[in-house]
Amino acid sequence: MTFTEDARHQPLSFSSEGVIINYKYDANLHLTEVERVQNGVTARRHYHYEDPRNTGLLTGITDERGVRFATWSYDEKGRAVSSQHSDGAGLTQVAYNTDGSSTVTNELGKTTIYHYQQIGGIKRVISVEGEPSANCPASNSTYTYDERGLMLTKTDAKGLVTTYTYDDRGLEVSRTEASGTPVARTITTEWDPARFLPVKTVDDQRITSYRYDDQRREISRQSVAR
């Protein structure tokens, strides 16, 4: 395996087991082309930066067939306002409203409005308006957070509340779905004290234990009925 880079430590080429990959950049150091050579066949993928107001914004990708399969556009503040695949497939548009909310319109014309609140210096979603669909099941939901920005409650379109609790590391240790109802279900999680890895989860039906190797890869999972 060989690897080369330029003076700015940007990768220029990579080769391994008969595969060669070359990278090209524009004057602004943005990736513009990835060339892959294998078995004498060359394939190239191109990246476009066509917004004159901000040449660092990725506006499109042309695949190895020469087909532009992804296009993005932005407003004057550099915020994404549309995304689509070739021939307009999957068109998604975003409007930024004066009250701080945003309206997302999908390719079928369905709109979903997201409302936000700054919590701990981070913008969090506090409510979602719109008819639920397979692509947006969280519509007509509301959320609350603690001072760390961790979600405390989620209320869905049916009025069912899920509550959350966390440890000092901000890791979820308990989640109760349909809280306060006869069908409430609680899931608890125990975490490795030194690593961000769950070691045990308990719900109303089973107890599941996890083990990992020194590289944090899961090596076993065992579930027993309660």
Protein backbone atom coordinates (compact mmCIF):
# COMPACT_ATOMS: atom_id res chain seq x y z
CA MET A 1 0.00 0.00 0.00
CA THR A 2 1.32 3.45 -0.91
CA PHE A 3 0.01 6.89 -0.09
CA THR A 4 1.08 10.38 -1.17
CA GLU A 5 -0.01 13.82 -0.06
CA ASP A 6 0.79 17.43 -0.89
CA ALA A 7 2.49 20.06 1.27
CA ARG A 8 -0.83 20.80 2.96
CA HIS A 9 -1.25 17.11 3.85
CA GLN A 10 -4.14 16.66 1.46
CA PRO A 11 -4.14 13.18 -0.10
CA LEU A 12 -2.96 12.99 -3.70
CA SER A 13 -2.93 9.28 -4.40
CA PHE A 14 -3.52 5.90 -2.84
CA SER A 15 -2.71 2.49 -4.25
CA SER A 16 -3.24 -1.01 -2.94
CA GLU A 17 -3.66 -4.44 -4.53
CA GLY A 18 -4.06 -3.19 -8.09
CA VAL A 19 -6.29 -0.24 -7.26
CA ILE A 20 -5.03 3.33 -7.74
CA ILE A 21 -6.99 6.32 -6.52
CA ASN A 22 -5.96 9.89 -7.42
CA TYR A 23 -7.34 13.12 -5.97
CA LYS A 24 -7.48 16.56 -7.59
CA TYR A 25 -8.25 19.96 -6.07
CA ASP A 26 -9.10 23.44 -7.29
CA ALA A 27 -7.27 26.68 -6.47
CA ASN A 28 -9.27 26.93 -3.25
CA LEU A 29 -8.08 23.45 -2.20
CA HIS A 30 -11.53 21.92 -2.60
CA LEU A 31 -11.74 18.34 -3.84
CA THR A 32 -12.87 18.39 -7.47
CA GLU A 33 -12.13 14.90 -8.78
CA VAL A 34 -11.55 11.38 -7.54
CA GLU A 35 -10.08 9.05 -10.14
CA ARG A 36 -10.10 5.29 -9.63
CA VAL A 37 -8.02 2.99 -11.83
CA GLN A 38 -8.46 -0.77 -11.62
CA ASN A 39 -7.70 -3.48 -14.17
CA GLY A 40 -6.96 -0.82 -16.78
CA VAL A 41 -10.36 0.82 -16.33
CA THR A 42 -10.52 4.45 -15.21
CA ALA A 43 -13.56 5.94 -13.48
CA ARG A 44 -13.88 9.54 -12.36
CA ARG A 45 -16.23 11.29 -9.97
CA HIS A 46 -16.43 15.11 -10.09
CA TYR A 47 -17.40 17.57 -7.36
CA HIS A 48 -18.81 21.00 -8.23
CA TYR A 49 -18.64 24.36 -6.41
CA GLU A 50 -20.75 26.71 -8.50
CA ASP A 51 -22.17 29.20 -6.00
CA PRO A 52 -20.43 32.53 -6.82
CA ARG A 53 -21.23 33.87 -3.34
CA ASN A 54 -19.37 31.07 -1.59
CA THR A 55 -17.08 28.89 -3.66
CA GLY A 56 -16.58 26.53 -0.74
CA LEU A 57 -20.13 25.20 -0.91
CA LEU A 58 -20.58 21.85 -2.62
CA THR A 59 -23.29 22.29 -5.27
CA GLY A 60 -23.21 18.98 -7.12
CA ILE A 61 -21.66 15.60 -7.79
CA THR A 62 -21.23 13.98 -11.20
CA ASP A 63 -20.76 10.23 -11.01
CA GLU A 64 -18.54 7.85 -12.93
CA ARG A 65 -21.12 7.56 -15.73
CA GLY A 66 -20.99 11.29 -16.37
CA VAL A 67 -24.42 11.74 -14.79
CA ARG A 68 -24.95 14.55 -12.33
CA PHE A 69 -26.80 12.64 -9.65
CA ALA A 70 -26.86 15.24 -6.85
CA THR A 71 -27.39 19.01 -6.78
CA TRP A 72 -27.57 21.41 -3.83
CA SER A 73 -28.36 25.13 -3.69
CA TYR A 74 -27.93 27.72 -0.95
CA ASP A 75 -29.21 31.13 0.10
CA GLU A 76 -27.14 34.28 0.57
CA LYS A 77 -26.23 33.15 4.10
CA GLY A 78 -24.82 29.85 2.88
CA ARG A 79 -27.75 27.84 4.21
CA ALA A 80 -28.95 24.89 2.15
CA VAL A 81 -32.29 25.60 0.48
CA SER A 82 -32.68 22.66 -1.88
CA SER A 83 -31.40 19.16 -2.57
CA GLN A 84 -32.23 16.92 -5.50
CA HIS A 85 -31.01 13.96 -7.50
CA SER A 86 -30.88 13.72 -11.29
CA ASP A 87 -34.00 14.81 -13.17
CA GLY A 88 -35.31 16.47 -10.00
CA ALA A 89 -35.88 13.21 -8.16
CA GLY A 90 -36.17 13.52 -4.41
CA LEU A 91 -36.40 17.32 -4.51
CA THR A 92 -36.35 18.72 -0.98
CA GLN A 93 -36.66 22.45 -0.32
CA VAL A 94 -36.01 24.37 2.88
CA ALA A 95 -37.38 27.82 3.79
CA TYR A 96 -36.05 29.73 6.80
CA ASN A 97 -38.87 31.62 8.50
CA THR A 98 -38.62 34.95 10.32
CA ASP A 99 -39.60 33.36 13.66
CA GLY A 100 -36.54 31.10 13.53
CA SER A 101 -38.40 28.01 12.37
CA SER A 102 -37.76 26.23 9.10
CA THR A 103 -40.19 24.70 6.62
CA VAL A 104 -39.16 21.60 4.69
CA THR A 105 -41.09 20.63 1.55
CA ASN A 106 -40.52 17.20 0.06
CA GLU A 107 -40.92 16.05 -3.54
CA LEU A 108 -44.62 15.27 -2.96
CA GLY A 109 -45.33 18.79 -1.72
CA LYS A 110 -45.69 17.75 1.92
CA THR A 111 -44.48 20.45 4.31
CA THR A 112 -43.03 19.98 7.76
CA ILE A 113 -42.23 22.89 10.08
CA TYR A 114 -39.42 22.61 12.64
CA HIS A 115 -39.29 24.92 15.67
CA TYR A 116 -36.05 25.39 17.61
CA GLN A 117 -34.67 26.70 20.86
CA GLN A 118 -31.10 27.52 21.84
CA ILE A 119 -30.16 25.27 24.77
CA GLY A 120 -26.59 25.18 26.03
CA GLY A 121 -25.48 27.12 22.97
CA ILE A 122 -26.88 24.51 20.58
CA LYS A 123 -30.05 24.80 18.52
CA ARG A 124 -32.46 22.01 19.49
CA VAL A 125 -35.72 20.94 17.86
CA ILE A 126 -38.58 21.57 20.30
CA SER A 127 -41.54 20.80 18.04
CA VAL A 128 -42.35 19.42 14.61
CA GLU A 129 -45.55 20.29 12.74
CA GLY A 130 -46.94 18.33 9.82
CA GLU A 131 -48.73 15.15 8.94
CA PRO A 132 -46.65 12.06 9.82
CA SER A 133 -45.32 9.99 6.95
CA ALA A 134 -42.85 7.18 6.41
CA ASN A 135 -40.10 9.77 5.86
CA CYS A 136 -41.13 11.98 8.79
CA PRO A 137 -42.74 9.89 11.56
CA ALA A 138 -41.86 12.54 14.16
CA SER A 139 -44.33 15.11 12.78
CA ASN A 140 -46.59 16.77 15.35
CA SER A 141 -44.16 15.92 18.12
CA THR A 142 -42.73 18.11 20.89
CA TYR A 143 -39.51 17.83 22.89
CA THR A 144 -38.06 19.14 26.15
CA TYR A 145 -34.41 19.22 27.24
CA ASP A 146 -32.32 19.75 30.35
CA GLU A 147 -29.68 22.45 30.77
CA ARG A 148 -27.11 20.19 29.09
CA GLY A 149 -29.25 19.91 25.98
CA LEU A 150 -30.17 16.29 26.70
CA MET A 151 -33.69 15.28 25.76
CA LEU A 152 -35.96 14.81 28.79
CA THR A 153 -39.30 14.14 27.12
CA LYS A 154 -40.71 13.46 23.68
CA THR A 155 -44.44 13.71 23.06
CA ASP A 156 -45.67 12.17 19.82
CA ALA A 157 -48.67 12.96 17.63
CA LYS A 158 -50.85 10.63 19.74
CA GLY A 159 -49.94 12.38 22.96
CA LEU A 160 -47.77 9.51 24.20
CA VAL A 161 -44.79 10.67 26.23
CA THR A 162 -41.33 9.10 26.31
CA THR A 163 -39.12 10.17 29.23
CA TYR A 164 -35.33 9.91 29.46
CA THR A 165 -32.73 9.95 32.24
CA TYR A 166 -28.94 10.14 31.93
CA ASP A 167 -25.78 9.55 33.93
CA ASP A 168 -23.04 12.10 34.67
CA ARG A 169 -21.47 11.39 31.28
CA GLY A 170 -24.68 12.29 29.47
CA LEU A 171 -25.40 8.68 28.51
CA GLU A 172 -28.98 7.44 28.51
CA VAL A 173 -29.56 5.08 31.45
CA SER A 174 -33.34 4.87 31.37
CA ARG A 175 -36.07 5.42 28.81
CA THR A 176 -39.78 4.98 29.49
CA GLU A 177 -42.08 4.81 26.48
CA ALA A 178 -45.78 5.67 26.83
CA SER A 179 -44.96 6.98 30.30
CA GLY A 180 -47.91 7.23 32.69
CA THR A 181 -50.08 4.79 30.71
CA PRO A 182 -50.96 1.12 31.33
CA VAL A 183 -48.68 0.13 28.43
CA ALA A 184 -45.62 1.99 29.72
CA ARG A 185 -42.35 0.24 28.87
CA THR A 186 -38.99 1.03 30.48
CA ILE A 187 -35.59 0.21 29.02
CA THR A 188 -32.50 0.65 31.21
CA THR A 189 -28.91 0.68 30.01
CA GLU A 190 -25.67 0.06 31.90
CA TRP A 191 -22.45 1.43 30.41
CA ASP A 192 -18.80 0.47 30.55
CA PRO A 193 -17.28 2.82 33.16
CA ALA A 194 -14.30 3.71 30.95
CA ARG A 195 -15.75 3.46 27.45
CA PHE A 196 -18.88 4.72 25.74
CA LEU A 197 -20.15 1.18 25.24
CA PRO A 198 -23.34 -0.40 26.62
CA VAL A 199 -22.73 -3.54 28.67
CA LYS A 200 -26.32 -4.40 29.62
CA THR A 201 -29.83 -3.43 28.55
CA VAL A 202 -32.98 -4.46 30.40
CA ASP A 203 -36.56 -4.17 29.16
CA ASP A 204 -39.81 -5.80 30.22
CA GLN A 205 -39.07 -9.01 28.31
CA ARG A 206 -35.32 -9.63 28.29
CA ILE A 207 -31.89 -8.84 29.66
CA THR A 208 -29.13 -8.42 27.08
CA SER A 209 -25.42 -8.38 27.93
CA TYR A 210 -22.60 -7.23 25.65
CA ARG A 211 -18.85 -7.88 25.62
CA TYR A 212 -16.12 -6.12 23.65
CA ASP A 213 -12.45 -6.60 22.81
CA ASP A 214 -9.66 -4.09 23.44
CA GLN A 215 -10.50 -2.33 20.17
CA ARG A 216 -14.11 -1.76 21.29
CA ARG A 217 -15.50 -4.28 18.84
CA GLU A 218 -18.48 -6.29 20.03
CA ILE A 219 -17.46 -9.93 20.51
CA SER A 220 -20.55 -11.36 22.17
CA ARG A 221 -24.19 -10.60 22.86
CA GLN A 222 -26.38 -12.72 25.10
CA SER A 223 -30.09 -12.27 25.80
CA VAL A 224 -32.12 -14.07 28.46
CA ALA A 225 -35.82 -13.83 29.15
CA ARG A 226 -36.93 -12.11 32.34
